[in-house]
Amino acid sequence: MTNRISTVYHGTDIIEQIARDVSWEELRSNRNTALDQSDWRFGSDQSPSDEWIAYRVFLRDLPQDNHGELANDACDAWEDYDKPEGA
């Protein structure tokens, strides 16, 4: 997953949180990695949960569902998505 938030600390105190811009290329690369890393859940000897099926559909559709919007919006949608355990 792509995290847009960078946190600046002074010791253990949070000084500032900065949201950085994400490119579509970075988002797609991270999305492809997440899909690749979960492929094993969909092997012929596996029974993926409905949550995993929905999550992979969400990941596959992420660019087209946010077409014309900033990659930041798609990144934030991914961050907010209720991911299955182990994702």
C-alpha atoms as a PDB file:
ATOM      1  CA  MET A   1       0.000   0.000   0.000  1.00  0.00           C
ATOM      2  CA  THR A   2       1.140   3.527  -0.658  1.00  0.00           C
ATOM      3  CA  ASN A   3       1.233   5.774   2.387  1.00  0.00           C
ATOM      4  CA  ARG A   4       1.042   9.478   1.576  1.00  0.00           C
ATOM      5  CA  ILE A   5       1.571  10.678   5.141  1.00  0.00           C
ATOM      6  CA  SER A   6       5.065  11.443   6.410  1.00  0.00           C
ATOM      7  CA  THR A   7       5.434  12.184  10.096  1.00  0.00           C
ATOM      8  CA  VAL A   8       8.133  14.492  11.483  1.00  0.00           C
ATOM      9  CA  TYR A   9       9.181  13.746  15.059  1.00  0.00           C
ATOM     10  CA  HIS A  10      11.170  15.576  17.692  1.00  0.00           C
ATOM     11  CA  GLY A  11      12.083  12.757  20.040  1.00  0.00           C
ATOM     12  CA  THR A  12       8.766  11.013  20.579  1.00  0.00           C
ATOM     13  CA  ASP A  13       6.670  14.126  19.906  1.00  0.00           C
ATOM     14  CA  ILE A  14       4.977  14.508  16.552  1.00  0.00           C
ATOM     15  CA  ILE A  15       5.922  17.868  15.122  1.00  0.00           C
ATOM     16  CA  GLU A  16       4.143  17.701  11.783  1.00  0.00           C
ATOM     17  CA  GLN A  17       2.388  15.341   9.417  1.00  0.00           C
ATOM     18  CA  ILE A  18       2.825  16.020   5.728  1.00  0.00           C
ATOM     19  CA  ALA A  19       0.758  14.515   2.907  1.00  0.00           C
ATOM     20  CA  ARG A  20       2.902  13.990  -0.156  1.00  0.00           C
ATOM     21  CA  ASP A  21       1.651  13.650  -3.721  1.00  0.00           C
ATOM     22  CA  VAL A  22       1.601  10.183  -5.278  1.00  0.00           C
ATOM     23  CA  SER A  23       1.935   9.475  -8.989  1.00  0.00           C
ATOM     24  CA  TRP A  24      -0.243   7.000 -10.858  1.00  0.00           C
ATOM     25  CA  GLU A  25       2.911   5.031 -11.680  1.00  0.00           C
ATOM     26  CA  GLU A  26       3.808   4.635  -7.993  1.00  0.00           C
ATOM     27  CA  LEU A  27       0.250   3.714  -7.076  1.00  0.00           C
ATOM     28  CA  ARG A  28      -0.040   1.134  -9.866  1.00  0.00           C
ATOM     29  CA  SER A  29       3.329  -0.369  -8.962  1.00  0.00           C
ATOM     30  CA  ASN A  30       2.334  -0.761  -5.309  1.00  0.00           C
ATOM     31  CA  ARG A  31      -1.092  -2.080  -6.316  1.00  0.00           C
ATOM     32  CA  ASN A  32       0.509  -4.662  -8.627  1.00  0.00           C
ATOM     33  CA  THR A  33       2.826  -5.741  -5.813  1.00  0.00           C
ATOM     34  CA  ALA A  34      -0.137  -6.169  -3.455  1.00  0.00           C
ATOM     35  CA  LEU A  35      -1.928  -8.270  -6.062  1.00  0.00           C
ATOM     36  CA  ASP A  36       1.193 -10.368  -6.724  1.00  0.00           C
ATOM     37  CA  GLN A  37       1.706 -10.976  -3.007  1.00  0.00           C
ATOM     38  CA  SER A  38      -1.854 -12.229  -2.587  1.00  0.00           C
ATOM     39  CA  ASP A  39      -1.946 -14.487  -5.671  1.00  0.00           C
ATOM     40  CA  TRP A  40      -1.209 -17.542  -3.538  1.00  0.00           C
ATOM     41  CA  ARG A  41      -4.586 -17.118  -1.825  1.00  0.00           C
ATOM     42  CA  PHE A  42      -6.276 -17.872  -5.134  1.00  0.00           C
ATOM     43  CA  GLY A  43      -4.456 -21.076  -6.050  1.00  0.00           C
ATOM     44  CA  SER A  44      -6.461 -24.159  -6.967  1.00  0.00           C
ATOM     45  CA  ASP A  45      -5.930 -25.612  -3.470  1.00  0.00           C
ATOM     46  CA  GLN A  46      -7.111 -22.459  -1.654  1.00  0.00           C
ATOM     47  CA  SER A  47     -10.557 -21.115  -0.736  1.00  0.00           C
ATOM     48  CA  PRO A  48     -10.231 -17.335  -0.474  1.00  0.00           C
ATOM     49  CA  SER A  49     -12.699 -15.502   1.738  1.00  0.00           C
ATOM     50  CA  ASP A  50     -15.264 -13.094   0.353  1.00  0.00           C
ATOM     51  CA  GLU A  51     -13.245 -10.290   1.954  1.00  0.00           C
ATOM     52  CA  TRP A  52     -10.149 -11.254  -0.038  1.00  0.00           C
ATOM     53  CA  ILE A  53     -12.138 -11.571  -3.251  1.00  0.00           C
ATOM     54  CA  ALA A  54     -13.657  -8.106  -2.734  1.00  0.00           C
ATOM     55  CA  TYR A  55     -10.257  -6.620  -1.820  1.00  0.00           C
ATOM     56  CA  ARG A  56      -8.617  -7.917  -5.005  1.00  0.00           C
ATOM     57  CA  VAL A  57     -11.521  -6.596  -7.100  1.00  0.00           C
ATOM     58  CA  PHE A  58     -11.075  -3.240  -5.367  1.00  0.00           C
ATOM     59  CA  LEU A  59      -7.336  -3.261  -6.155  1.00  0.00           C
ATOM     60  CA  ARG A  60      -7.829  -4.292  -9.780  1.00  0.00           C
ATOM     61  CA  ASP A  61     -10.465  -1.585 -10.284  1.00  0.00           C
ATOM     62  CA  LEU A  62      -8.664   1.156  -8.351  1.00  0.00           C
ATOM     63  CA  PRO A  63      -7.266   3.059 -11.380  1.00  0.00           C
ATOM     64  CA  GLN A  64     -10.435   2.834 -13.483  1.00  0.00           C
ATOM     65  CA  ASP A  65     -12.736   3.688 -10.558  1.00  0.00           C
ATOM     66  CA  ASN A  66     -10.680   6.825  -9.950  1.00  0.00           C
ATOM     67  CA  HIS A  67     -10.066   7.670 -13.620  1.00  0.00           C
ATOM     68  CA  GLY A  68      -9.621  11.381 -14.168  1.00  0.00           C
ATOM     69  CA  GLU A  69      -8.961  11.984 -10.493  1.00  0.00           C
ATOM     70  CA  LEU A  70      -5.664  12.510  -8.800  1.00  0.00           C
ATOM     71  CA  ALA A  71      -3.682   9.454  -7.813  1.00  0.00           C
ATOM     72  CA  ASN A  72      -3.783  10.935  -4.305  1.00  0.00           C
ATOM     73  CA  ASP A  73      -7.540  10.309  -4.174  1.00  0.00           C
ATOM     74  CA  ALA A  74      -7.100   6.681  -5.215  1.00  0.00           C
ATOM     75  CA  CYS A  75      -4.292   6.283  -2.673  1.00  0.00           C
ATOM     76  CA  ASP A  76      -6.515   7.677   0.079  1.00  0.00           C
ATOM     77  CA  ALA A  77      -9.360   5.356  -0.964  1.00  0.00           C
ATOM     78  CA  TRP A  78      -6.959   2.411  -0.654  1.00  0.00           C
ATOM     79  CA  GLU A  79      -5.818   3.616   2.757  1.00  0.00           C
ATOM     80  CA  ASP A  80      -9.450   3.866   3.914  1.00  0.00           C
ATOM     81  CA  TYR A  81     -10.500   0.479   2.506  1.00  0.00           C
ATOM     82  CA  ASP A  82     -11.369  -2.145   5.126  1.00  0.00           C
ATOM     83  CA  LYS A  83      -8.621  -4.612   4.247  1.00  0.00           C
ATOM     84  CA  PRO A  84      -8.872  -8.314   5.051  1.00  0.00           C
ATOM     85  CA  GLU A  85      -6.645  -9.787   7.726  1.00  0.00           C
ATOM     86  CA  GLY A  86      -3.135 -10.336   6.389  1.00  0.00           C
ATOM     87  CA  ALA A  87      -3.340  -7.624   3.739  1.00  0.00           C
END
